Amino acid sequence: MRLSLNSYNMENETNKNEYVIDASGKRLGRVATEAASVLQGKNSPDFARNEIAPVTVKIENASKMDIPEHRKGDIYQSYSGYPGGRRTETLEHLGKRLGFAEVLRRTISGMLPKNKLRKPTLHNLKINE
């Protein structure tokens, strides 16, 4: 039996669930772990490691997160690949410079698997300050 392209139903591809997290008063790590697990699809019964979950995660009130004083000195770093190309920055400075949405995005990115699905998975993350 042959299936033609017109008879194939692609409804599952277009249906995206929306998951909203209110970050006001919550800790950074708690919000990030919840978002990372939902982005991977671990909360759905049809979880597969090799597929991007059909879910969009929206995080609201990122600037109202509860970040304790001892965590504001945490270091976020990037490396350009050149000798002497390591750049370090504290959480507090990064939050002032690019906003706490970027702090949350980098934290969630660090919790996702380091493979080809990481970047497309992060496209399903929307953060509002």
Protein backbone atom coordinates (compact mmCIF):
# COMPACT_ATOMS: atom_id res chain seq x y z
CA MET A 1 0.00 0.00 0.00
CA ARG A 2 1.31 3.41 -0.94
CA LEU A 3 0.46 6.63 0.82
CA SER A 4 0.26 9.76 -1.18
CA LEU A 5 1.49 13.00 0.32
CA ASN A 6 -2.02 14.48 0.32
CA SER A 7 -3.51 11.65 2.39
CA TYR A 8 -0.85 11.90 5.10
CA ASN A 9 -2.21 13.79 8.11
CA MET A 10 0.31 16.21 9.66
CA GLU A 11 -1.82 17.48 12.53
CA ASN A 12 0.62 16.38 15.23
CA GLU A 13 3.38 18.52 13.72
CA THR A 14 1.47 21.80 13.98
CA ASN A 15 -0.23 21.42 17.36
CA LYS A 16 1.95 23.13 19.95
CA ASN A 17 1.03 23.23 23.59
CA GLU A 18 1.70 26.40 25.54
CA TYR A 19 3.13 26.26 29.05
CA VAL A 20 3.21 29.48 31.12
CA ILE A 21 5.47 29.95 34.16
CA ASP A 22 5.11 32.96 36.45
CA ALA A 23 8.59 33.67 37.83
CA SER A 24 7.66 36.40 40.33
CA GLY A 25 8.95 35.47 43.78
CA LYS A 26 10.49 32.16 42.64
CA ARG A 27 14.15 31.19 42.69
CA LEU A 28 16.17 31.22 39.46
CA GLY A 29 17.07 27.54 39.57
CA ARG A 30 13.51 26.38 40.28
CA VAL A 31 12.13 28.29 37.30
CA ALA A 32 14.97 27.13 35.04
CA THR A 33 14.66 23.43 35.90
CA GLU A 34 10.91 23.47 35.36
CA ALA A 35 11.31 25.20 31.99
CA ALA A 36 14.14 22.89 30.88
CA SER A 37 12.21 19.71 31.66
CA VAL A 38 9.09 20.97 29.85
CA LEU A 39 11.14 22.09 26.82
CA GLN A 40 12.63 18.60 26.55
CA GLY A 41 9.12 17.12 26.76
CA LYS A 42 9.77 15.09 29.88
CA ASN A 43 6.33 15.90 31.29
CA SER A 44 4.48 14.32 28.34
CA PRO A 45 3.79 10.59 27.92
CA ASP A 46 5.22 10.51 24.38
CA PHE A 47 8.70 11.69 25.40
CA ALA A 48 11.50 10.89 22.97
CA ARG A 49 15.09 12.06 23.41
CA ASN A 50 15.67 12.45 19.69
CA GLU A 51 12.72 14.76 18.99
CA ILE A 52 11.91 18.35 19.87
CA ALA A 53 8.82 18.49 22.05
CA PRO A 54 5.84 20.33 20.50
CA VAL A 55 5.59 22.82 23.35
CA THR A 56 6.15 26.55 23.78
CA VAL A 57 7.28 27.74 27.22
CA LYS A 58 6.49 31.33 28.18
CA ILE A 59 8.08 32.78 31.30
CA GLU A 60 6.51 35.92 32.71
CA ASN A 61 7.95 38.44 35.22
CA ALA A 62 11.59 37.38 34.85
CA SER A 63 12.83 40.59 36.46
CA LYS A 64 10.80 39.85 39.63
CA MET A 65 12.63 36.59 40.39
CA ASP A 66 14.00 36.02 43.86
CA ILE A 67 17.79 35.95 43.55
CA PRO A 68 19.63 35.76 46.90
CA GLU A 69 22.66 37.94 47.59
CA HIS A 70 25.18 35.10 47.60
CA ARG A 71 24.07 34.06 44.06
CA LYS A 72 24.60 37.51 42.55
CA GLY A 73 28.33 36.82 42.35
CA ASP A 74 27.91 33.68 40.21
CA ILE A 75 30.06 33.79 37.10
CA TYR A 76 28.75 33.43 33.55
CA GLN A 77 31.51 32.94 31.01
CA SER A 78 31.99 32.65 27.27
CA TYR A 79 34.98 31.64 25.20
CA SER A 80 35.75 32.92 21.71
CA GLY A 81 38.17 30.13 20.85
CA TYR A 82 41.22 32.37 20.69
CA PRO A 83 44.01 32.49 23.29
CA GLY A 84 42.95 34.90 26.01
CA GLY A 85 39.38 34.90 24.65
CA ARG A 86 37.59 33.88 27.84
CA ARG A 87 35.16 36.53 29.06
CA THR A 88 33.65 36.34 32.53
CA GLU A 89 30.79 38.32 34.01
CA THR A 90 28.82 38.13 37.25
CA LEU A 91 25.11 37.39 37.36
CA GLU A 92 24.33 40.84 38.72
CA HIS A 93 26.31 42.63 35.98
CA LEU A 94 24.79 40.47 33.23
CA GLY A 95 21.31 41.18 34.61
CA LYS A 96 21.92 44.92 34.49
CA ARG A 97 23.54 44.83 31.05
CA LEU A 98 21.26 42.49 29.11
CA GLY A 99 18.35 41.95 31.49
CA PHE A 100 17.31 39.02 33.64
CA ALA A 101 15.67 37.37 30.64
CA GLU A 102 19.15 36.69 29.26
CA VAL A 103 20.31 35.34 32.63
CA LEU A 104 17.36 32.94 32.63
CA ARG A 105 17.95 31.97 28.98
CA ARG A 106 21.62 31.13 29.64
CA THR A 107 20.71 29.16 32.77
CA ILE A 108 18.11 27.10 30.90
CA SER A 109 20.54 26.59 28.01
CA GLY A 110 23.06 25.12 30.42
CA MET A 111 20.47 22.59 31.63
CA LEU A 112 19.63 21.26 28.16
CA PRO A 113 21.58 18.44 26.49
CA LYS A 114 24.64 19.56 24.54
CA ASN A 115 23.64 18.27 21.09
CA LYS A 116 22.11 19.44 17.80
CA LEU A 117 18.65 19.84 19.35
CA ARG A 118 19.72 22.47 21.90
CA LYS A 119 19.44 25.52 19.64
CA PRO A 120 16.09 24.57 18.01
CA THR A 121 14.71 23.72 21.46
CA LEU A 122 15.62 27.18 22.77
CA HIS A 123 13.55 28.73 19.95
CA ASN A 124 10.49 27.42 21.79
CA LEU A 125 11.36 29.54 24.85
CA LYS A 126 9.79 33.00 25.20
CA ILE A 127 10.75 35.19 28.16
CA ASN A 128 9.02 38.43 29.21
CA GLU A 129 10.46 40.76 31.81
